[in-house]
PDB file of N, CA and C in Angstrom:
ATOM      1  N   MET A   1      -9.459   2.795 -21.074  1.00  0.00           N
ATOM      2  CA  MET A   1      -9.221   1.998 -22.246  1.00  0.00           C
ATOM      3  C   MET A   1      -7.716   1.981 -22.522  1.00  0.00           C
ATOM      4  N   CYS A   2      -7.210   0.820 -22.886  1.00  0.00           N
ATOM      5  CA  CYS A   2      -5.796   0.690 -23.205  1.00  0.00           C
ATOM      6  C   CYS A   2      -5.481   1.452 -24.484  1.00  0.00           C
ATOM      7  N   PRO A   3      -4.327   2.087 -24.553  1.00  0.00           N
ATOM      8  CA  PRO A   3      -3.985   2.826 -25.755  1.00  0.00           C
ATOM      9  C   PRO A   3      -3.765   1.898 -26.934  1.00  0.00           C
ATOM     10  N   THR A   4      -4.167   2.354 -28.092  1.00  0.00           N
ATOM     11  CA  THR A   4      -3.917   1.639 -29.329  1.00  0.00           C
ATOM     12  C   THR A   4      -3.286   2.626 -30.294  1.00  0.00           C
ATOM     13  N   PRO A   5      -2.638   2.136 -31.349  1.00  0.00           N
ATOM     14  CA  PRO A   5      -1.975   3.067 -32.279  1.00  0.00           C
ATOM     15  C   PRO A   5      -2.902   4.135 -32.847  1.00  0.00           C
ATOM     16  N   THR A   6      -4.187   3.832 -33.047  1.00  0.00           N
ATOM     17  CA  THR A   6      -5.083   4.826 -33.617  1.00  0.00           C
ATOM     18  C   THR A   6      -5.604   5.817 -32.581  1.00  0.00           C
ATOM     19  N   GLN A   7      -5.564   5.446 -31.312  1.00  0.00           N
ATOM     20  CA  GLN A   7      -6.100   6.326 -30.280  1.00  0.00           C
ATOM     21  C   GLN A   7      -5.056   7.278 -29.717  1.00  0.00           C
ATOM     22  N   GLN A   8      -3.861   6.768 -29.450  1.00  0.00           N
ATOM     23  CA  GLN A   8      -2.838   7.593 -28.838  1.00  0.00           C
ATOM     24  C   GLN A   8      -1.488   7.279 -29.487  1.00  0.00           C
ATOM     25  N   PRO A   9      -1.168   7.921 -30.587  1.00  0.00           N
ATOM     26  CA  PRO A   9       0.051   7.590 -31.320  1.00  0.00           C
ATOM     27  C   PRO A   9       1.328   7.664 -30.506  1.00  0.00           C
ATOM     28  N   GLY A  10       1.421   8.572 -29.559  1.00  0.00           N
ATOM     29  CA  GLY A  10       2.637   8.696 -28.764  1.00  0.00           C
ATOM     30  C   GLY A  10       2.738   7.687 -27.640  1.00  0.00           C
ATOM     31  N   LEU A  11       1.682   6.950 -27.401  1.00  0.00           N
ATOM     32  CA  LEU A  11       1.649   6.011 -26.282  1.00  0.00           C
ATOM     33  C   LEU A  11       1.290   4.615 -26.779  1.00  0.00           C
ATOM     34  N   LEU A  12       2.136   4.043 -27.609  1.00  0.00           N
ATOM     35  CA  LEU A  12       1.836   2.752 -28.210  1.00  0.00           C
ATOM     36  C   LEU A  12       1.968   1.607 -27.219  1.00  0.00           C
ATOM     37  N   THR A  13       2.779   1.770 -26.199  1.00  0.00           N
ATOM     38  CA  THR A  13       2.920   0.729 -25.197  1.00  0.00           C
ATOM     39  C   THR A  13       2.599   1.303 -23.831  1.00  0.00           C
ATOM     40  N   THR A  14       2.045   0.472 -23.002  1.00  0.00           N
ATOM     41  CA  THR A  14       1.741   0.861 -21.636  1.00  0.00           C
ATOM     42  C   THR A  14       2.570  -0.017 -20.712  1.00  0.00           C
ATOM     43  N   PRO A  15       3.302   0.571 -19.787  1.00  0.00           N
ATOM     44  CA  PRO A  15       4.090  -0.256 -18.870  1.00  0.00           C
ATOM     45  C   PRO A  15       3.166  -1.041 -17.948  1.00  0.00           C
ATOM     46  N   SER A  16       3.700  -2.079 -17.337  1.00  0.00           N
ATOM     47  CA  SER A  16       2.927  -2.819 -16.353  1.00  0.00           C
ATOM     48  C   SER A  16       2.748  -1.932 -15.121  1.00  0.00           C
ATOM     49  N   THR A  17       1.809  -2.312 -14.273  1.00  0.00           N
ATOM     50  CA  THR A  17       1.627  -1.541 -13.040  1.00  0.00           C
ATOM     51  C   THR A  17       2.880  -1.611 -12.186  1.00  0.00           C
ATOM     52  N   ASP A  18       3.572  -2.752 -12.201  1.00  0.00           N
ATOM     53  CA  ASP A  18       4.813  -2.879 -11.425  1.00  0.00           C
ATOM     54  C   ASP A  18       5.878  -1.903 -11.923  1.00  0.00           C
ATOM     55  N   GLN A  19       6.010  -1.786 -13.245  1.00  0.00           N
ATOM     56  CA  GLN A  19       6.997  -0.860 -13.816  1.00  0.00           C
ATOM     57  C   GLN A  19       6.630   0.591 -13.492  1.00  0.00           C
ATOM     58  N   ALA A  20       5.356   0.917 -13.632  1.00  0.00           N
ATOM     59  CA  ALA A  20       4.909   2.284 -13.351  1.00  0.00           C
ATOM     60  C   ALA A  20       5.082   2.608 -11.870  1.00  0.00           C
ATOM     61  N   ASN A  21       4.746   1.652 -11.009  1.00  0.00           N
ATOM     62  CA  ASN A  21       4.889   1.850  -9.572  1.00  0.00           C
ATOM     63  C   ASN A  21       6.358   2.037  -9.202  1.00  0.00           C
ATOM     64  N   GLU A  22       7.239   1.255  -9.799  1.00  0.00           N
ATOM     65  CA  GLU A  22       8.667   1.386  -9.520  1.00  0.00           C
ATOM     66  C   GLU A  22       9.186   2.746  -9.974  1.00  0.00           C
ATOM     67  N   ALA A  23       8.708   3.235 -11.097  1.00  0.00           N
ATOM     68  CA  ALA A  23       9.129   4.563 -11.573  1.00  0.00           C
ATOM     69  C   ALA A  23       8.734   5.636 -10.560  1.00  0.00           C
ATOM     70  N   ILE A  24       7.545   5.508  -9.979  1.00  0.00           N
ATOM     71  CA  ILE A  24       7.100   6.461  -8.955  1.00  0.00           C
ATOM     72  C   ILE A  24       7.990   6.359  -7.723  1.00  0.00           C
ATOM     73  N   ARG A  25       8.271   5.136  -7.297  1.00  0.00           N
ATOM     74  CA  ARG A  25       9.116   4.945  -6.113  1.00  0.00           C
ATOM     75  C   ARG A  25      10.503   5.544  -6.306  1.00  0.00           C
ATOM     76  N   VAL A  26      11.104   5.293  -7.464  1.00  0.00           N
ATOM     77  CA  VAL A  26      12.441   5.835  -7.752  1.00  0.00           C
ATOM     78  C   VAL A  26      12.400   7.358  -7.755  1.00  0.00           C
ATOM     79  N   PHE A  27      11.386   7.910  -8.403  1.00  0.00           N
ATOM     80  CA  PHE A  27      11.240   9.363  -8.473  1.00  0.00           C
ATOM     81  C   PHE A  27      11.145   9.972  -7.078  1.00  0.00           C
ATOM     82  N   LEU A  28      10.293   9.404  -6.233  1.00  0.00           N
ATOM     83  CA  LEU A  28      10.111   9.969  -4.895  1.00  0.00           C
ATOM     84  C   LEU A  28      11.301   9.698  -3.979  1.00  0.00           C
ATOM     85  N   ARG A  29      11.907   8.537  -4.117  1.00  0.00           N
ATOM     86  CA  ARG A  29      13.071   8.215  -3.292  1.00  0.00           C
ATOM     87  C   ARG A  29      14.197   9.218  -3.534  1.00  0.00           C
ATOM     88  N   ALA A  30      14.353   9.669  -4.775  1.00  0.00           N
ATOM     89  CA  ALA A  30      15.402  10.627  -5.107  1.00  0.00           C
ATOM     90  C   ALA A  30      15.129  12.001  -4.502  1.00  0.00           C
ATOM     91  N   ARG A  31      13.913  12.223  -4.059  1.00  0.00           N
ATOM     92  CA  ARG A  31      13.536  13.529  -3.513  1.00  0.00           C
ATOM     93  C   ARG A  31      13.081  13.428  -2.055  1.00  0.00           C
ATOM     94  N   ALA A  32      13.470  12.377  -1.389  1.00  0.00           N
ATOM     95  CA  ALA A  32      13.051  12.133  -0.007  1.00  0.00           C
ATOM     96  C   ALA A  32      13.527  13.258   0.915  1.00  0.00           C
ATOM     97  N   GLY A  33      12.659  13.611   1.840  1.00  0.00           N
ATOM     98  CA  GLY A  33      13.036  14.579   2.848  1.00  0.00           C
ATOM     99  C   GLY A  33      12.795  16.037   2.478  1.00  0.00           C
ATOM    100  N   ARG A  34      12.209  16.266   1.339  1.00  0.00           N
ATOM    101  CA  ARG A  34      11.916  17.654   0.967  1.00  0.00           C
ATOM    102  C   ARG A  34      10.638  17.700   0.134  1.00  0.00           C
ATOM    103  N   ALA A  35      10.056  18.875   0.084  1.00  0.00           N
ATOM    104  CA  ALA A  35       8.845  19.066  -0.717  1.00  0.00           C
ATOM    105  C   ALA A  35       9.194  19.062  -2.201  1.00  0.00           C
ATOM    106  N   LEU A  36       8.253  18.619  -3.001  1.00  0.00           N
ATOM    107  CA  LEU A  36       8.466  18.620  -4.453  1.00  0.00           C
ATOM    108  C   LEU A  36       8.342  20.033  -5.004  1.00  0.00           C
ATOM    109  N   ARG A  37       9.197  20.345  -5.945  1.00  0.00           N
ATOM    110  CA  ARG A  37       9.123  21.625  -6.651  1.00  0.00           C
ATOM    111  C   ARG A  37       7.970  21.552  -7.648  1.00  0.00           C
ATOM    112  N   PRO A  38       7.503  22.690  -8.139  1.00  0.00           N
ATOM    113  CA  PRO A  38       6.382  22.671  -9.086  1.00  0.00           C
ATOM    114  C   PRO A  38       6.623  21.774 -10.301  1.00  0.00           C
ATOM    115  N   SER A  39       7.801  21.818 -10.878  1.00  0.00           N
ATOM    116  CA  SER A  39       8.078  20.964 -12.041  1.00  0.00           C
ATOM    117  C   SER A  39       8.089  19.486 -11.641  1.00  0.00           C
ATOM    118  N   GLU A  40       8.528  19.209 -10.424  1.00  0.00           N
ATOM    119  CA  GLU A  40       8.539  17.829  -9.935  1.00  0.00           C
ATOM    120  C   GLU A  40       7.122  17.342  -9.645  1.00  0.00           C
ATOM    121  N   ARG A  41       6.284  18.243  -9.160  1.00  0.00           N
ATOM    122  CA  ARG A  41       4.883  17.865  -8.940  1.00  0.00           C
ATOM    123  C   ARG A  41       4.207  17.519 -10.258  1.00  0.00           C
ATOM    124  N   ALA A  42       4.546  18.253 -11.298  1.00  0.00           N
ATOM    125  CA  ALA A  42       3.989  17.961 -12.617  1.00  0.00           C
ATOM    126  C   ALA A  42       4.450  16.588 -13.102  1.00  0.00           C
ATOM    127  N   GLU A  43       5.715  16.276 -12.899  1.00  0.00           N
ATOM    128  CA  GLU A  43       6.237  14.966 -13.307  1.00  0.00           C
ATOM    129  C   GLU A  43       5.596  13.851 -12.470  1.00  0.00           C
ATOM    130  N   TYR A  44       5.437  14.086 -11.184  1.00  0.00           N
ATOM    131  CA  TYR A  44       4.788  13.104 -10.312  1.00  0.00           C
ATOM    132  C   TYR A  44       3.349  12.863 -10.778  1.00  0.00           C
ATOM    133  N   SER A  45       2.660  13.906 -11.139  1.00  0.00           N
ATOM    134  CA  SER A  45       1.297  13.774 -11.656  1.00  0.00           C
ATOM    135  C   SER A  45       1.285  12.945 -12.934  1.00  0.00           C
ATOM    136  N   ARG A  46       2.250  13.191 -13.817  1.00  0.00           N
ATOM    137  CA  ARG A  46       2.344  12.424 -15.050  1.00  0.00           C
ATOM    138  C   ARG A  46       2.588  10.945 -14.749  1.00  0.00           C
ATOM    139  N   LEU A  47       3.468  10.656 -13.795  1.00  0.00           N
ATOM    140  CA  LEU A  47       3.752   9.270 -13.425  1.00  0.00           C
ATOM    141  C   LEU A  47       2.515   8.580 -12.850  1.00  0.00           C
ATOM    142  N   LEU A  48       1.733   9.321 -12.069  1.00  0.00           N
ATOM    143  CA  LEU A  48       0.495   8.749 -11.527  1.00  0.00           C
ATOM    144  C   LEU A  48      -0.493   8.417 -12.643  1.00  0.00           C
ATOM    145  N   LYS A  49      -0.540   9.260 -13.661  1.00  0.00           N
ATOM    146  CA  LYS A  49      -1.431   8.990 -14.800  1.00  0.00           C
ATOM    147  C   LYS A  49      -0.982   7.747 -15.557  1.00  0.00           C
ATOM    148  N   VAL A  50       0.322   7.577 -15.699  1.00  0.00           N
ATOM    149  CA  VAL A  50       0.851   6.376 -16.357  1.00  0.00           C
ATOM    150  C   VAL A  50       0.466   5.145 -15.557  1.00  0.00           C
ATOM    151  N   TYR A  51       0.615   5.226 -14.235  1.00  0.00           N
ATOM    152  CA  TYR A  51       0.252   4.099 -13.370  1.00  0.00           C
ATOM    153  C   TYR A  51      -1.244   3.790 -13.488  1.00  0.00           C
ATOM    154  N   THR A  52      -2.070   4.815 -13.462  1.00  0.00           N
ATOM    155  CA  THR A  52      -3.518   4.620 -13.571  1.00  0.00           C
ATOM    156  C   THR A  52      -3.880   3.979 -14.899  1.00  0.00           C
ATOM    157  N   ARG A  53      -3.248   4.430 -15.972  1.00  0.00           N
ATOM    158  CA  ARG A  53      -3.506   3.854 -17.295  1.00  0.00           C
ATOM    159  C   ARG A  53      -3.095   2.380 -17.324  1.00  0.00           C
ATOM    160  N   ALA A  54      -1.949   2.060 -16.736  1.00  0.00           N
ATOM    161  CA  ALA A  54      -1.485   0.672 -16.691  1.00  0.00           C
ATOM    162  C   ALA A  54      -2.444  -0.196 -15.886  1.00  0.00           C
ATOM    163  N   LEU A  55      -2.924   0.327 -14.770  1.00  0.00           N
ATOM    164  CA  LEU A  55      -3.863  -0.409 -13.943  1.00  0.00           C
ATOM    165  C   LEU A  55      -5.164  -0.680 -14.691  1.00  0.00           C
ATOM    166  N   ARG A  56      -5.658   0.328 -15.373  1.00  0.00           N
ATOM    167  CA  ARG A  56      -6.894   0.156 -16.150  1.00  0.00           C
ATOM    168  C   ARG A  56      -6.728  -0.901 -17.240  1.00  0.00           C
ATOM    169  N   CYS A  57      -5.575  -0.879 -17.896  1.00  0.00           N
ATOM    170  CA  CYS A  57      -5.314  -1.864 -18.952  1.00  0.00           C
ATOM    171  C   CYS A  57      -5.288  -3.274 -18.383  1.00  0.00           C
ATOM    172  N   GLU A  58      -4.653  -3.431 -17.232  1.00  0.00           N
ATOM    173  CA  GLU A  58      -4.607  -4.753 -16.617  1.00  0.00           C
ATOM    174  C   GLU A  58      -5.998  -5.212 -16.193  1.00  0.00           C
ATOM    175  N   LEU A  59      -6.802  -4.293 -15.705  1.00  0.00           N
ATOM    176  CA  LEU A  59      -8.157  -4.661 -15.315  1.00  0.00           C
ATOM    177  C   LEU A  59      -9.002  -5.016 -16.524  1.00  0.00           C
ATOM    178  N   GLU A  60      -8.818  -4.291 -17.635  1.00  0.00           N
ATOM    179  CA  GLU A  60      -9.554  -4.608 -18.856  1.00  0.00           C
ATOM    180  C   GLU A  60      -9.178  -5.988 -19.375  1.00  0.00           C
ATOM    181  N   LYS A  61      -7.886  -6.324 -19.315  1.00  0.00           N
ATOM    182  CA  LYS A  61      -7.447  -7.628 -19.785  1.00  0.00           C
ATOM    183  C   LYS A  61      -8.010  -8.751 -18.914  1.00  0.00           C
ATOM    184  N   ALA A  62      -8.149  -8.470 -17.621  1.00  0.00           N
ATOM    185  CA  ALA A  62      -8.662  -9.482 -16.697  1.00  0.00           C
ATOM    186  C   ALA A  62     -10.157  -9.689 -16.848  1.00  0.00           C
ATOM    187  N   ALA A  63     -10.854  -8.688 -17.345  1.00  0.00           N
ATOM    188  CA  ALA A  63     -12.322  -8.769 -17.450  1.00  0.00           C
ATOM    189  C   ALA A  63     -12.797  -9.611 -18.601  1.00  0.00           C
TER     190      ALA A  63
END
């Protein structure tokens, strides 16, 4: 479900899937050639959740 002000106050806007995907690409490109550190893995996980949320919102709008 897409976030709304009453459901997730800190997440009033959801980026597009393109924006979320680009954020992931930039994040990983900056760390190319080495394993992610634990804190970086946590950030990567957060970025994947943002992308998944954006994808779900786009699918809901299309339905």
